[in-house]
């Protein structure tokens, strides 16, 4: 949850409560946040950051689970994060293997409403 707190500029209690309310489903949380009357201050910057780092949203979704036994293992998360950053920096090519690990279709529908994803 620390990454979400930093990314979306929330305090720990607020972030934990909001994520818990939607059953630890980040897509549901984002949908609720986007349709709320007042948008969090850091939301637009966070969405931009995510749009520049394909795969990060899926990684976050895999790490936020109510049951610790179902969370992604830290070493695997770090490896995937490093690949996401290397992809963004152009150090590696985009492959299905690099972006494997989760569904980002809802985030992509928010970021790219026309259905066009820039690589």
Foldseek 3Di string as FASTA:
>chain_A
DVVCCVLLVHDPVVVVVLCVVVQNAVLVSVVCQVPDPDHRPNVVVSLVVCLLQQQVVLLSSQQRHPDNVSHDDPVVSVVLNVLSVCCSVVVDDDDCVSNPRGDCVSSCCVVPVVPDRDD
